[in-house]
N, C-alpha and C. Protein backbone atom coordinates (compact mmCIF):
# COMPACT_ATOMS: atom_id res chain seq x y z
N MET A 1 -37.34 7.00 34.07
CA MET A 1 -38.06 6.01 33.89
C MET A 1 -37.22 4.68 34.56
N ALA A 2 -37.90 3.60 34.84
CA ALA A 2 -37.48 2.66 35.72
C ALA A 2 -36.80 1.65 34.67
N THR A 3 -35.72 1.07 35.34
CA THR A 3 -34.87 -0.06 34.43
C THR A 3 -35.52 -1.34 34.50
N LEU A 4 -35.47 -2.37 33.79
CA LEU A 4 -36.24 -3.64 33.62
C LEU A 4 -35.71 -4.29 35.06
N GLU A 5 -34.60 -4.07 35.49
CA GLU A 5 -34.32 -4.73 36.95
C GLU A 5 -34.99 -4.17 38.08
N ASP A 6 -35.34 -2.76 38.06
CA ASP A 6 -36.12 -2.22 38.89
C ASP A 6 -37.67 -2.66 38.90
N LYS A 7 -38.10 -2.77 37.80
CA LYS A 7 -39.64 -3.20 37.78
C LYS A 7 -39.65 -4.78 38.17
N ILE A 8 -38.58 -5.74 37.83
CA ILE A 8 -38.55 -7.04 38.42
C ILE A 8 -38.40 -7.31 39.86
N LEU A 9 -37.30 -6.52 40.32
CA LEU A 9 -37.10 -6.56 41.51
C LEU A 9 -37.97 -5.72 42.72
N GLY A 10 -38.72 -4.94 42.10
CA GLY A 10 -39.30 -3.59 42.97
C GLY A 10 -38.73 -2.45 42.81
N GLU A 11 -39.30 -1.47 43.39
CA GLU A 11 -38.57 -0.16 43.46
C GLU A 11 -37.83 -0.22 44.52
N LYS A 12 -36.62 0.83 44.63
CA LYS A 12 -35.40 0.85 45.56
C LYS A 12 -36.20 1.00 46.87
N LEU A 13 -37.06 1.93 46.82
CA LEU A 13 -37.59 2.26 48.06
C LEU A 13 -38.40 0.90 48.96
N HIS A 14 -38.93 -0.10 48.11
CA HIS A 14 -39.49 -1.13 48.83
C HIS A 14 -38.34 -2.11 49.27
N ASN A 15 -37.23 -2.38 48.70
CA ASN A 15 -36.11 -3.35 48.90
C ASN A 15 -35.10 -2.66 49.82
N TYR A 16 -35.17 -1.45 50.22
CA TYR A 16 -33.77 -0.60 50.65
C TYR A 16 -34.16 -0.18 52.16
N CYS A 17 -33.12 -0.54 52.90
CA CYS A 17 -33.33 -0.24 54.31
C CYS A 17 -32.24 0.70 54.57
N SER A 18 -32.72 1.99 55.08
CA SER A 18 -31.61 3.10 55.35
C SER A 18 -31.34 2.66 56.77
N SER A 19 -29.94 2.82 56.98
CA SER A 19 -29.41 2.71 58.43
C SER A 19 -29.77 3.80 59.09
N SER A 20 -30.00 4.98 58.63
CA SER A 20 -30.19 6.49 59.38
C SER A 20 -31.48 6.26 59.96
N GLU A 21 -32.67 5.55 59.40
CA GLU A 21 -33.84 5.34 59.77
C GLU A 21 -33.86 4.53 60.96
N GLU A 22 -33.16 3.50 61.04
CA GLU A 22 -33.18 2.49 62.22
C GLU A 22 -32.21 3.46 63.43
N SER A 23 -31.38 4.06 63.31
CA SER A 23 -30.67 4.58 64.44
C SER A 23 -31.32 5.79 64.98
N ASP A 24 -32.29 6.40 64.37
CA ASP A 24 -32.73 7.37 65.04
C ASP A 24 -33.88 7.10 66.17
N ASN A 25 -34.82 6.37 65.56
CA ASN A 25 -36.02 6.23 66.50
C ASN A 25 -36.15 4.72 66.60
N GLU A 26 -35.30 4.02 67.08
CA GLU A 26 -35.40 2.40 67.07
C GLU A 26 -36.52 1.94 68.18
N ASN A 27 -36.56 2.35 69.31
CA ASN A 27 -37.52 1.89 70.17
C ASN A 27 -38.73 2.71 70.34
N SER A 28 -38.65 3.90 70.19
CA SER A 28 -39.85 4.80 70.68
C SER A 28 -40.81 4.77 69.50
N ASN A 29 -40.54 4.89 68.43
CA ASN A 29 -41.48 4.74 67.33
C ASN A 29 -41.73 3.42 66.51
N SER A 30 -41.26 2.37 67.04
CA SER A 30 -41.22 1.04 66.35
C SER A 30 -42.47 0.78 66.03
N ASP A 31 -43.39 0.75 66.89
CA ASP A 31 -44.68 0.30 66.85
C ASP A 31 -45.65 1.15 65.88
N SER A 32 -45.40 2.40 65.89
CA SER A 32 -46.06 3.52 64.74
C SER A 32 -45.48 3.26 63.55
N GLU A 33 -44.28 2.95 63.30
CA GLU A 33 -43.61 2.62 62.31
C GLU A 33 -44.23 1.24 61.43
N ASN A 34 -44.45 0.20 62.27
CA ASN A 34 -44.67 -0.74 61.73
C ASN A 34 -46.20 -0.76 61.22
N THR A 35 -47.11 0.16 61.92
CA THR A 35 -48.31 0.18 61.52
C THR A 35 -48.54 1.11 60.16
N THR A 36 -47.53 2.06 60.02
CA THR A 36 -47.76 2.87 58.80
C THR A 36 -47.28 1.94 57.83
N LYS A 37 -45.93 0.99 57.90
CA LYS A 37 -45.64 0.28 56.89
C LYS A 37 -46.69 -0.95 56.40
N GLN A 38 -47.50 -1.38 57.49
CA GLN A 38 -48.45 -2.28 57.07
C GLN A 38 -49.56 -1.56 56.20
N ILE A 39 -49.83 -0.33 56.58
CA ILE A 39 -51.03 0.51 55.93
C ILE A 39 -50.60 0.74 54.29
N SER A 40 -49.11 1.25 54.36
CA SER A 40 -48.73 1.70 52.98
C SER A 40 -48.55 0.12 52.22
N SER A 41 -48.29 -0.92 52.74
CA SER A 41 -48.02 -2.05 51.78
C SER A 41 -49.46 -2.71 51.61
N THR A 42 -50.35 -2.33 52.21
CA THR A 42 -51.87 -2.81 51.76
C THR A 42 -52.21 -1.82 50.82
N GLU A 43 -51.80 -0.66 50.77
CA GLU A 43 -52.31 0.16 49.53
C GLU A 43 -51.59 -0.01 48.56
N GLU A 44 -50.29 -0.32 48.42
CA GLU A 44 -49.61 -0.88 47.31
C GLU A 44 -50.24 -1.97 46.75
N VAL A 45 -50.70 -3.21 47.39
CA VAL A 45 -51.30 -4.39 46.96
C VAL A 45 -52.65 -3.79 46.41
N ALA A 46 -53.49 -3.05 46.79
CA ALA A 46 -54.56 -2.50 46.22
C ALA A 46 -54.67 -1.85 44.99
N SER A 47 -53.42 -1.12 44.87
CA SER A 47 -53.25 -0.28 43.69
C SER A 47 -52.91 -1.21 42.51
N HIS A 48 -52.04 -2.33 42.67
CA HIS A 48 -51.78 -2.99 41.60
C HIS A 48 -53.05 -3.87 40.93
N PRO A 49 -53.03 -4.00 39.66
CA PRO A 49 -54.22 -4.75 38.99
C PRO A 49 -54.34 -6.05 39.43
N GLU A 50 -55.63 -6.49 39.34
CA GLU A 50 -55.77 -7.96 39.84
C GLU A 50 -55.26 -8.88 38.81
N ILE A 51 -54.39 -10.03 39.34
CA ILE A 51 -53.76 -11.03 38.42
C ILE A 51 -54.91 -12.02 38.00
N SER A 52 -55.00 -12.28 36.66
CA SER A 52 -55.93 -12.97 36.14
C SER A 52 -55.70 -14.55 36.72
N LYS A 53 -56.91 -15.20 36.74
CA LYS A 53 -56.73 -16.45 37.42
C LYS A 53 -55.94 -17.40 36.49
N TRP A 54 -55.17 -18.32 36.97
CA TRP A 54 -54.27 -19.32 36.40
C TRP A 54 -55.22 -20.37 35.71
N GLU A 55 -54.73 -20.52 34.37
CA GLU A 55 -55.36 -21.31 33.41
C GLU A 55 -54.76 -22.64 33.09
N GLY A 56 -53.55 -22.71 33.54
CA GLY A 56 -52.84 -23.89 33.52
C GLY A 56 -51.70 -23.83 32.63
N THR A 57 -51.59 -22.47 31.86
CA THR A 57 -50.44 -22.32 31.16
C THR A 57 -50.14 -20.79 31.54
N SER A 58 -48.93 -20.48 31.22
CA SER A 58 -48.65 -19.07 31.36
C SER A 58 -48.68 -18.40 30.27
N SER A 59 -48.99 -17.26 30.23
CA SER A 59 -49.49 -16.57 29.06
C SER A 59 -48.23 -15.77 28.41
N ASN A 60 -48.25 -15.78 27.13
CA ASN A 60 -47.20 -14.85 26.15
C ASN A 60 -45.69 -15.61 26.43
N THR A 61 -45.45 -16.75 26.93
CA THR A 61 -44.23 -17.43 27.13
C THR A 61 -43.80 -18.31 25.92
N GLY A 62 -44.83 -19.26 25.45
CA GLY A 62 -44.58 -20.18 24.33
C GLY A 62 -45.62 -20.11 23.38
N PRO A 63 -45.30 -21.00 22.49
CA PRO A 63 -46.28 -20.99 21.26
C PRO A 63 -47.69 -20.84 21.48
N LYS A 64 -48.30 -21.71 22.59
CA LYS A 64 -49.66 -21.73 22.82
C LYS A 64 -50.19 -20.32 23.37
N GLY A 65 -49.37 -19.61 24.22
CA GLY A 65 -49.69 -18.42 24.70
C GLY A 65 -49.56 -17.35 23.59
N VAL A 66 -48.66 -17.48 22.68
CA VAL A 66 -48.81 -16.45 21.69
C VAL A 66 -50.04 -16.70 20.83
N ILE A 67 -50.32 -18.03 20.58
CA ILE A 67 -51.41 -18.25 19.45
C ILE A 67 -52.64 -17.70 20.34
N LYS A 68 -52.66 -17.90 21.48
CA LYS A 68 -54.11 -17.54 22.26
C LYS A 68 -54.10 -15.97 22.35
N ASP A 69 -52.99 -15.36 22.55
CA ASP A 69 -53.03 -14.02 22.31
C ASP A 69 -53.53 -13.38 20.99
N TRP A 70 -52.80 -14.17 19.92
CA TRP A 70 -53.09 -13.74 18.58
C TRP A 70 -54.51 -13.67 18.21
N GLN A 71 -55.20 -14.97 18.65
CA GLN A 71 -56.64 -15.27 18.46
C GLN A 71 -57.24 -14.12 19.08
N ARG A 72 -57.17 -13.84 20.38
CA ARG A 72 -57.89 -12.87 21.19
C ARG A 72 -57.69 -11.41 20.47
N TYR A 73 -56.40 -11.10 20.01
CA TYR A 73 -56.34 -10.01 19.19
C TYR A 73 -57.38 -9.90 17.87
N LYS A 74 -57.17 -10.84 17.07
CA LYS A 74 -58.09 -10.97 15.97
C LYS A 74 -59.43 -10.83 16.29
N GLN A 75 -59.91 -11.55 17.54
CA GLN A 75 -61.15 -11.44 17.73
C GLN A 75 -61.62 -9.97 18.08
N LEU A 76 -60.77 -9.45 18.86
CA LEU A 76 -61.16 -7.88 19.21
C LEU A 76 -61.11 -6.94 17.91
N GLU A 77 -60.27 -7.48 17.35
CA GLU A 77 -60.25 -6.56 15.88
C GLU A 77 -61.41 -6.65 15.21
N ASN A 78 -61.81 -7.94 14.93
CA ASN A 78 -63.33 -8.17 14.22
C ASN A 78 -64.33 -7.33 15.15
N GLU A 79 -64.33 -7.58 16.31
CA GLU A 79 -65.55 -6.96 16.95
C GLU A 79 -65.30 -5.29 16.76
N ARG A 80 -64.13 -4.85 16.88
CA ARG A 80 -63.93 -3.37 16.53
C ARG A 80 -64.30 -3.02 15.28
N ARG A 81 -64.00 -3.62 14.17
CA ARG A 81 -64.42 -3.34 12.78
C ARG A 81 -65.90 -3.45 12.64
N LYS A 82 -66.62 -4.57 13.09
CA LYS A 82 -68.01 -4.70 13.09
C LYS A 82 -68.76 -3.42 13.70
N GLU A 83 -68.15 -2.98 14.81
CA GLU A 83 -68.68 -1.70 15.47
C GLU A 83 -68.40 -0.65 14.82
N ASP A 84 -67.38 -0.29 14.08
CA ASP A 84 -67.18 0.68 13.07
C ASP A 84 -68.00 0.80 12.10
N GLU A 85 -68.31 -0.25 11.44
CA GLU A 85 -69.14 -0.39 10.58
C GLU A 85 -70.65 0.08 10.68
N ARG A 86 -70.79 -0.60 11.73
CA ARG A 86 -72.22 -0.40 12.31
C ARG A 86 -72.55 1.07 12.47
N GLU A 87 -71.62 1.60 13.07
CA GLU A 87 -71.49 3.23 13.39
C GLU A 87 -71.51 3.94 12.04
N LYS A 88 -70.93 3.59 11.20
CA LYS A 88 -70.90 4.16 10.09
C LYS A 88 -72.25 4.27 9.41
N LEU A 89 -72.81 2.98 9.33
CA LEU A 89 -73.99 2.74 8.71
C LEU A 89 -75.19 3.58 9.20
N GLU A 90 -75.10 3.69 10.40
CA GLU A 90 -76.09 4.53 11.29
C GLU A 90 -76.05 6.02 10.89
N LEU A 91 -74.62 6.43 10.93
CA LEU A 91 -74.37 7.78 10.59
C LEU A 91 -74.91 8.12 9.10
N MET A 92 -74.49 7.06 8.12
CA MET A 92 -75.12 7.31 6.80
C MET A 92 -76.48 7.41 6.79
N LYS A 93 -77.16 6.47 7.51
CA LYS A 93 -78.81 6.49 7.42
C LYS A 93 -79.24 7.88 8.00
N LYS A 94 -78.83 8.44 8.97
CA LYS A 94 -79.05 9.57 9.55
C LYS A 94 -78.88 10.74 8.66
N LEU A 95 -77.79 10.86 8.08
CA LEU A 95 -77.44 11.94 7.17
C LEU A 95 -78.45 11.96 6.03
N THR A 96 -78.42 10.61 5.54
CA THR A 96 -79.26 10.69 3.99
C THR A 96 -80.77 10.81 4.49
N LEU A 97 -81.21 10.55 5.51
CA LEU A 97 -82.76 10.95 5.94
C LEU A 97 -82.70 12.15 5.98
N THR A 98 -82.00 13.01 6.58
CA THR A 98 -82.08 14.37 6.61
C THR A 98 -82.15 14.93 5.24
N VAL A 99 -81.28 14.68 4.52
CA VAL A 99 -81.26 15.28 3.19
C VAL A 99 -82.34 15.13 2.38
N GLN A 100 -82.91 13.62 2.52
CA GLN A 100 -84.00 13.41 1.62
C GLN A 100 -85.19 13.95 2.27
N SER A 101 -85.25 14.13 3.41
CA SER A 101 -86.58 14.85 4.15
C SER A 101 -86.67 16.16 3.63
N ALA A 102 -85.35 17.20 3.64
CA ALA A 102 -85.52 18.25 3.21
C ALA A 102 -86.05 18.41 1.94
N LEU A 103 -85.58 17.79 1.01
CA LEU A 103 -86.10 17.83 -0.34
C LEU A 103 -87.72 17.58 -0.43
N ASP A 104 -87.95 16.45 0.24
CA ASP A 104 -89.34 15.99 0.44
C ASP A 104 -90.28 17.05 0.96
N GLU A 105 -89.67 17.78 1.97
CA GLU A 105 -90.55 18.92 2.63
C GLU A 105 -90.68 20.08 1.59
N GLU A 106 -89.66 20.33 0.88
CA GLU A 106 -89.64 21.51 0.14
C GLU A 106 -90.53 21.16 -1.27
N ARG A 107 -90.68 19.92 -1.48
CA ARG A 107 -91.64 19.77 -2.65
C ARG A 107 -93.23 19.65 -2.17
N GLU A 108 -93.33 19.22 -1.03
CA GLU A 108 -94.72 19.24 -0.40
C GLU A 108 -95.20 20.74 -0.06
N ARG A 109 -94.28 21.63 0.41
CA ARG A 109 -94.64 23.10 0.45
C ARG A 109 -95.10 23.57 -0.74
N ALA A 110 -94.23 23.33 -1.86
CA ALA A 110 -94.52 23.86 -3.12
C ALA A 110 -96.03 23.25 -3.76
N ALA A 111 -96.34 22.07 -3.17
CA ALA A 111 -97.24 21.62 -3.65
C ALA A 111 -98.64 22.14 -3.03
N LEU A 112 -98.30 22.06 -1.58
CA LEU A 112 -99.63 22.81 -0.67
C LEU A 112 -99.63 24.32 -1.02
N GLU A 113 -98.55 24.99 -1.40
CA GLU A 113 -98.88 26.45 -1.63
C GLU A 113 -99.67 26.75 -2.83
N ASP A 114 -99.50 25.84 -3.94
CA ASP A 114 -100.10 26.28 -5.26
C ASP A 114 -100.58 24.79 -5.91
N PRO A 115 -101.78 24.17 -5.71
CA PRO A 115 -101.73 22.93 -6.27
C PRO A 115 -102.17 23.06 -7.91
N ASP A 116 -102.31 24.06 -8.33
CA ASP A 116 -102.79 24.14 -9.75
C ASP A 116 -101.27 24.02 -10.49
N LEU A 117 -100.28 24.82 -10.00
CA LEU A 117 -99.01 24.82 -10.44
C LEU A 117 -98.35 23.43 -10.41
N ALA A 118 -98.60 22.69 -9.21
CA ALA A 118 -98.21 21.17 -8.96
C ALA A 118 -98.85 20.26 -10.26
N GLU A 119 -100.01 20.53 -10.51
CA GLU A 119 -100.79 19.79 -11.52
C GLU A 119 -100.33 19.94 -12.68
N LEU A 120 -99.80 21.27 -13.05
CA LEU A 120 -99.52 21.67 -14.27
C LEU A 120 -97.83 21.03 -14.54
N LEU A 121 -97.13 20.98 -13.68
CA LEU A 121 -95.79 20.44 -13.60
C LEU A 121 -95.83 18.97 -13.74
N ASN A 122 -97.04 18.19 -13.38
CA ASN A 122 -96.89 16.63 -13.56
C ASN A 122 -97.69 16.25 -14.61
N ASP A 123 -97.85 17.39 -15.66
CA ASP A 123 -98.72 17.19 -16.67
C ASP A 123 -97.78 16.38 -17.94
N ASP A 124 -98.42 15.33 -18.56
CA ASP A 124 -97.44 14.64 -19.47
C ASP A 124 -96.88 15.45 -20.35
N PHE A 125 -97.74 16.42 -21.04
CA PHE A 125 -97.41 17.05 -21.96
C PHE A 125 -96.16 18.02 -21.94
N LEU A 126 -96.17 18.60 -20.79
CA LEU A 126 -95.33 19.76 -20.07
C LEU A 126 -93.93 18.99 -19.87
N VAL A 127 -93.94 17.87 -19.30
CA VAL A 127 -92.79 17.08 -18.93
C VAL A 127 -92.18 16.89 -20.38
N LYS A 128 -93.10 16.22 -21.42
CA LYS A 128 -92.44 15.91 -22.69
C LYS A 128 -91.75 17.12 -23.32
N TYR A 129 -92.40 18.25 -23.40
CA TYR A 129 -91.97 19.43 -23.77
C TYR A 129 -90.78 19.99 -23.12
N GLN A 130 -90.61 19.57 -22.11
CA GLN A 130 -89.46 20.24 -21.21
C GLN A 130 -88.42 19.25 -21.66
N LYS A 131 -88.47 17.97 -21.81
CA LYS A 131 -87.28 17.16 -22.30
C LYS A 131 -86.89 17.65 -23.58
N GLN A 132 -87.82 17.90 -24.51
CA GLN A 132 -87.63 18.26 -25.81
C GLN A 132 -86.66 19.37 -25.97
N ARG A 133 -87.08 20.46 -25.11
CA ARG A 133 -86.53 21.70 -25.02
C ARG A 133 -85.08 21.68 -24.56
N MET A 134 -84.84 20.75 -23.63
CA MET A 134 -83.69 20.62 -23.03
C MET A 134 -82.74 20.02 -23.95
N GLN A 135 -83.19 19.05 -24.78
CA GLN A 135 -82.22 18.55 -26.00
C GLN A 135 -82.07 19.61 -26.94
N GLU A 136 -82.71 20.35 -27.32
CA GLU A 136 -82.75 21.38 -28.33
C GLU A 136 -81.36 22.30 -27.78
N MET A 137 -81.69 22.68 -26.36
CA MET A 137 -80.64 23.90 -25.88
C MET A 137 -79.10 23.01 -25.86
N LEU A 138 -79.06 21.83 -25.53
CA LEU A 138 -77.91 20.87 -25.42
C LEU A 138 -77.29 20.95 -27.01
N GLN A 139 -78.02 20.67 -27.87
CA GLN A 139 -77.51 20.54 -29.19
C GLN A 139 -77.05 21.86 -29.66
N GLN A 140 -77.48 23.09 -29.36
CA GLN A 140 -77.07 24.38 -29.81
C GLN A 140 -75.69 24.74 -29.16
N THR A 141 -75.64 24.26 -28.00
CA THR A 141 -74.22 24.58 -27.20
C THR A 141 -73.10 23.72 -27.84
N ASN A 142 -73.51 22.49 -28.47
CA ASN A 142 -72.40 21.55 -28.79
C ASN A 142 -72.03 21.83 -30.11
N HIS A 143 -72.93 22.74 -30.70
CA HIS A 143 -72.19 23.13 -32.07
C HIS A 143 -71.50 24.45 -32.00
N ASN A 144 -71.05 25.04 -30.97
CA ASN A 144 -70.19 26.13 -30.71
C ASN A 144 -68.85 25.60 -30.91
N ILE A 145 -67.89 26.28 -31.26
CA ILE A 145 -66.69 26.10 -31.47
C ILE A 145 -65.78 26.28 -30.23
N LYS A 146 -65.14 24.95 -30.00
CA LYS A 146 -64.41 25.02 -28.65
C LYS A 146 -62.96 25.24 -28.98
N PHE A 147 -62.20 26.13 -28.12
CA PHE A 147 -60.72 26.14 -28.45
C PHE A 147 -60.06 25.52 -27.48
N GLY A 148 -58.84 25.14 -27.81
CA GLY A 148 -58.13 24.35 -27.07
C GLY A 148 -57.94 23.07 -27.15
N ASN A 149 -58.87 22.58 -27.95
CA ASN A 149 -58.92 20.95 -28.16
C ASN A 149 -58.44 20.65 -29.32
């Protein structure tokens, strides 16, 4: 990992001239070396991210830059939170629709298979009788002795 000094001043390869390179082929390959150095330097410039346009203040150095960064962070955080909430709502709607549709389809199949049975199940007298019978059964189970309490 590079030190802070290396990051600020550049890599040692960029700022370092070897004496052995100069003494080997000073005159013979000077033109070819210059062109290769120019090509490599243009590649390095292209690989670095583009610096943002100067806005009149330097970023992250003073209170204005810090406040601006904080406001941008909060804006991005709010956008991310809204996006997450929207995705959660879409997922909930999708999952609840599948559950409801499965129950609805089952009821429709039962109604289509035997319309007489569906008519009997919707009869007011039978519904009232079912509720009364359920209450009687619940009362019978509540009278049993419970151990442990």
